[in-house]
Amino acid sequence: MSTLLADTGNPDLGLLRAINGLAVSAPRWLDSAVSWIGEYGILLGLAAVCLTAWLQARRRPDAPVAVAGLLWAPLAVAISELANLPISAIVDRPRPFVDHPELEVLVEGKEGTLSFVSDHSAMSMGIAVALLLVNRRLGLVAGALALLQGFCRMYMGVHYPTDVIGGFALATAVVLLLAPLAMAVLVPFCHALTRTAAAPLVVARKPARGGAGDGRSRRRREPAAVEQPAPESDLAA
């Protein structure tokens, strides 16, 4: 079957062979570890990063806005995956090991699926870019995981480098281009949640501080604070 990207080009295929070639000489336990990480591990790691970001966002002064930004992450990933359906059908690019059987394939069951763009790469980068808009530090952590995801997909022999780059580009475009529209809907939604029983999902409850005794002690200290400026006024005179 002819495809738009049937001729992958030397740089694309050359880089894939260089990265996938590492799997040939690596011990079997390492190949198994990379396969699990590239298929499931990084996505689980990103879920943990998102959970951490949510716990931190609930404590921020702008908690409804921060939580709205985090809600945009999974929504953006879903939109990216939907957008990839027609893209994959139009490009119609088979997996690299179909045209190049000499590649080392570390995961089974991919023969009947298309290669462009990489779903795993799109999901990982979509979460990373969305997190970067809310929490720069955790966004950078997620970005590093997304880059590792792309490397693992090539190491496993299931994607060309351009598949990974395409996934990164698609997710980044969706997150950034649609973020203003998404936030215009999600921010009021999160503000509305703060007035319902679901408020703890958006704003962390602050522990009660002090009591009647604390208030009296503060009132007792106030006169001393008022009397201190007197010496300063004498010096000025």
Protein backbone atom coordinates (compact mmCIF):
# COMPACT_ATOMS: atom_id res chain seq x y z
CA MET A 1 0.00 0.00 0.00
CA SER A 2 1.39 3.39 -0.92
CA THR A 3 1.71 5.86 1.90
CA LEU A 4 2.50 9.54 2.12
CA LEU A 5 5.49 8.77 4.28
CA ALA A 6 6.52 5.43 2.83
CA ASP A 7 9.99 6.80 2.10
CA THR A 8 11.15 7.64 5.59
CA GLY A 9 14.39 9.23 4.46
CA ASN A 10 17.89 8.36 5.64
CA PRO A 11 18.02 10.69 8.68
CA ASP A 12 14.73 9.38 10.04
CA LEU A 13 15.53 5.72 9.53
CA GLY A 14 19.19 6.17 10.45
CA LEU A 15 18.36 7.67 13.85
CA LEU A 16 15.79 4.96 14.49
CA ARG A 17 18.33 2.24 13.69
CA ALA A 18 20.92 3.88 15.95
CA ILE A 19 18.54 4.03 18.94
CA ASN A 20 16.85 0.69 18.32
CA GLY A 21 20.28 -0.90 17.80
CA LEU A 22 20.95 -0.32 21.50
CA ALA A 23 18.29 -2.93 22.26
CA VAL A 24 20.20 -5.58 20.31
CA SER A 25 23.28 -5.45 22.52
CA ALA A 26 21.46 -4.65 25.79
CA PRO A 27 20.66 -7.40 28.32
CA ARG A 28 17.17 -8.83 28.14
CA TRP A 29 16.17 -7.44 31.54
CA LEU A 30 16.98 -3.91 30.33
CA ASP A 31 14.91 -4.37 27.18
CA SER A 32 12.00 -5.60 29.30
CA ALA A 33 12.35 -2.63 31.65
CA VAL A 34 12.42 -0.10 28.81
CA SER A 35 9.41 -1.78 27.21
CA TRP A 36 7.37 -1.52 30.41
CA ILE A 37 8.49 2.05 31.04
CA GLY A 38 7.73 3.11 27.47
CA GLU A 39 4.34 1.39 27.42
CA TYR A 40 3.02 2.05 30.94
CA GLY A 41 5.61 3.38 33.38
CA ILE A 42 5.96 6.93 32.09
CA LEU A 43 2.20 7.40 31.86
CA LEU A 44 1.90 6.27 35.49
CA GLY A 45 4.70 8.65 36.42
CA LEU A 46 2.91 11.52 34.71
CA ALA A 47 -0.26 10.64 36.61
CA ALA A 48 1.72 10.91 39.87
CA VAL A 49 3.11 14.29 38.78
CA CYS A 50 -0.43 15.50 38.00
CA LEU A 51 -1.62 14.36 41.42
CA THR A 52 1.21 16.27 43.08
CA ALA A 53 0.39 19.36 41.03
CA TRP A 54 -3.27 19.12 42.06
CA LEU A 55 -2.40 18.89 45.77
CA GLN A 56 -0.21 21.97 45.43
CA ALA A 57 -2.71 23.89 43.30
CA ARG A 58 -5.43 23.54 45.96
CA ARG A 59 -3.24 25.47 48.42
CA ARG A 60 -2.53 28.40 46.10
CA PRO A 61 -4.26 31.78 46.49
CA ASP A 62 -5.54 31.40 42.93
CA ALA A 63 -6.60 27.79 43.51
CA PRO A 64 -9.65 27.80 41.16
CA VAL A 65 -7.53 29.10 38.28
CA ALA A 66 -4.69 26.65 38.98
CA VAL A 67 -7.03 23.67 39.24
CA ALA A 68 -8.74 24.77 36.02
CA GLY A 69 -5.35 24.68 34.30
CA LEU A 70 -4.79 21.14 35.57
CA LEU A 71 -8.20 20.05 34.31
CA TRP A 72 -7.15 21.26 30.89
CA ALA A 73 -4.31 18.69 30.79
CA PRO A 74 -6.42 15.51 30.38
CA LEU A 75 -8.92 17.33 28.18
CA ALA A 76 -6.13 18.50 25.88
CA VAL A 77 -4.78 14.95 25.70
CA ALA A 78 -8.22 13.66 24.72
CA ILE A 79 -8.55 16.30 22.00
CA SER A 80 -5.07 15.47 20.72
CA GLU A 81 -6.00 11.80 20.46
CA LEU A 82 -9.18 12.65 18.57
CA ALA A 83 -7.26 14.94 16.22
CA ASN A 84 -4.77 12.16 15.58
CA LEU A 85 -7.44 9.83 14.21
CA PRO A 86 -7.88 11.61 10.85
CA ILE A 87 -4.17 12.46 10.71
CA SER A 88 -3.18 8.81 11.07
CA ALA A 89 -5.74 7.77 8.46
CA ILE A 90 -4.54 10.36 5.95
CA VAL A 91 -0.82 9.67 6.41
CA ASP A 92 -1.39 5.90 6.60
CA ARG A 93 2.12 5.10 7.74
CA PRO A 94 2.81 1.51 8.87
CA ARG A 95 4.96 0.71 11.86
CA PRO A 96 8.69 0.89 11.09
CA PHE A 97 9.26 -2.84 11.61
CA VAL A 98 6.73 -3.62 8.87
CA ASP A 99 8.93 -2.07 6.18
CA HIS A 100 12.18 -2.83 8.01
CA PRO A 101 11.95 -6.31 9.57
CA GLU A 102 15.57 -6.15 10.68
CA LEU A 103 14.54 -3.85 13.57
CA GLU A 104 14.39 -5.24 17.10
CA VAL A 105 10.76 -5.08 18.24
CA LEU A 106 10.25 -5.21 22.02
CA VAL A 107 6.46 -5.14 22.19
CA GLU A 108 3.91 -7.29 20.40
CA GLY A 109 0.50 -6.52 18.97
CA LYS A 110 1.41 -3.37 17.03
CA GLU A 111 1.39 -4.88 13.54
CA GLY A 112 -2.08 -3.75 12.58
CA THR A 113 -1.77 -0.20 13.94
CA LEU A 114 -0.44 2.96 12.31
CA SER A 115 2.76 4.72 13.25
CA PHE A 116 2.22 8.47 12.65
CA VAL A 117 1.77 10.18 15.03
CA SER A 118 2.92 8.52 18.26
CA ASP A 119 -0.01 8.43 20.68
CA HIS A 120 2.22 7.91 23.70
CA SER A 121 4.39 10.86 22.74
CA ALA A 122 1.35 13.08 22.19
CA MET A 123 -0.18 12.14 25.53
CA SER A 124 3.05 12.70 27.43
CA MET A 125 3.87 16.05 25.86
CA GLY A 126 0.26 17.26 26.16
CA ILE A 127 0.35 16.71 29.91
CA ALA A 128 3.81 18.29 30.16
CA VAL A 129 2.89 21.49 28.30
CA ALA A 130 -0.39 21.88 30.19
CA LEU A 131 1.42 21.43 33.51
CA LEU A 132 4.06 23.93 32.46
CA LEU A 133 1.36 26.59 32.21
CA VAL A 134 0.35 25.96 35.83
CA ASN A 135 3.45 24.75 37.67
CA ARG A 136 6.78 25.41 35.99
CA ARG A 137 8.83 23.04 38.15
CA LEU A 138 6.50 20.06 37.78
CA GLY A 139 5.98 20.95 34.12
CA LEU A 140 9.71 20.57 33.52
CA VAL A 141 9.66 17.20 35.28
CA ALA A 142 6.79 16.10 33.05
CA GLY A 143 8.65 17.43 30.01
CA ALA A 144 11.67 15.29 30.85
CA LEU A 145 9.38 12.26 31.15
CA ALA A 146 7.83 13.10 27.76
CA LEU A 147 11.26 13.21 26.12
CA LEU A 148 12.11 9.88 27.74
CA GLN A 149 8.84 8.52 26.39
CA GLY A 150 9.84 9.42 22.85
CA PHE A 151 13.22 7.76 23.29
CA CYS A 152 11.61 4.59 24.64
CA ARG A 153 9.19 4.35 21.71
CA MET A 154 12.12 4.40 19.26
CA TYR A 155 14.19 2.04 21.42
CA MET A 156 11.25 -0.40 21.32
CA GLY A 157 11.20 -0.20 17.51
CA VAL A 158 7.56 0.88 17.23
CA HIS A 159 7.96 4.50 16.04
CA TYR A 160 10.12 6.58 13.73
CA PRO A 161 11.67 9.77 15.14
CA THR A 162 9.27 11.84 13.03
CA ASP A 163 6.35 9.95 14.63
CA VAL A 164 7.57 11.12 18.03
CA ILE A 165 8.20 14.69 16.87
CA GLY A 166 4.78 14.75 15.24
CA GLY A 167 3.16 13.65 18.50
CA PHE A 168 5.02 16.34 20.43
CA ALA A 169 4.01 19.02 17.92
CA LEU A 170 0.36 17.96 17.78
CA ALA A 171 -0.07 17.96 21.55
CA THR A 172 1.76 21.27 22.01
CA ALA A 173 -0.38 22.95 19.36
CA VAL A 174 -3.62 21.68 20.89
CA VAL A 175 -2.67 22.74 24.43
CA LEU A 176 -1.47 26.24 23.53
CA LEU A 177 -3.97 27.15 20.82
CA LEU A 178 -7.06 26.00 22.68
CA ALA A 179 -5.96 26.99 26.20
CA PRO A 180 -7.65 30.46 26.16
CA LEU A 181 -10.99 28.96 25.14
CA ALA A 182 -10.66 26.09 27.61
CA MET A 183 -9.77 28.38 30.52
CA ALA A 184 -12.69 30.66 29.71
CA VAL A 185 -14.93 27.69 30.48
CA LEU A 186 -12.95 25.85 33.17
CA VAL A 187 -12.16 28.82 35.43
CA PRO A 188 -15.84 29.77 36.03
CA PHE A 189 -16.59 26.07 36.45
CA CYS A 190 -13.96 25.71 39.19
CA HIS A 191 -15.15 28.90 40.89
CA ALA A 192 -18.67 27.46 40.88
CA LEU A 193 -17.40 24.24 42.46
CA THR A 194 -16.02 26.20 45.41
CA ARG A 195 -19.62 27.01 46.38
CA THR A 196 -20.69 23.36 46.42
CA ALA A 197 -19.92 20.23 48.42
CA ALA A 198 -17.12 19.54 45.91
CA ALA A 199 -15.18 22.61 47.09
CA PRO A 200 -12.34 20.49 48.64
CA LEU A 201 -11.49 19.31 45.13
CA VAL A 202 -10.61 22.90 44.22
CA VAL A 203 -9.56 24.62 47.45
CA ALA A 204 -7.81 22.98 50.38
CA ARG A 205 -9.39 23.59 53.75
CA LYS A 206 -7.26 25.85 55.93
CA PRO A 207 -6.85 24.75 59.57
CA ALA A 208 -8.50 27.00 62.13
CA ARG A 209 -5.95 29.22 63.83
CA GLY A 210 -6.16 30.64 67.32
CA GLY A 211 -9.10 31.06 69.63
CA ALA A 212 -10.51 33.54 72.08
CA GLY A 213 -7.37 33.43 74.19
CA ASP A 214 -5.19 34.33 71.19
CA GLY A 215 -7.41 37.28 70.42
CA ARG A 216 -7.12 38.60 73.98
CA SER A 217 -3.36 38.21 73.95
CA ARG A 218 -3.14 40.18 70.71
CA ARG A 219 -5.29 42.92 72.21
CA ARG A 220 -3.04 43.05 75.25
CA ARG A 221 0.03 43.55 73.06
CA GLU A 222 -1.51 46.34 70.98
CA PRO A 223 -0.96 49.19 73.51
CA ALA A 224 2.78 48.43 73.65
CA ALA A 225 2.99 48.65 69.87
CA VAL A 226 1.20 52.02 69.92
CA GLU A 227 3.44 53.48 72.64
CA GLN A 228 6.75 52.71 70.85
CA PRO A 229 6.67 55.63 68.35
CA ALA A 230 6.87 58.16 71.27
CA PRO A 231 10.69 58.06 71.66
CA GLU A 232 11.09 58.45 67.91
CA SER A 233 8.98 61.61 67.92
CA ASP A 234 11.08 63.02 70.75
CA LEU A 235 14.26 62.46 68.72
CA ALA A 236 12.74 64.13 65.74
CA ALA A 237 11.95 67.17 67.90
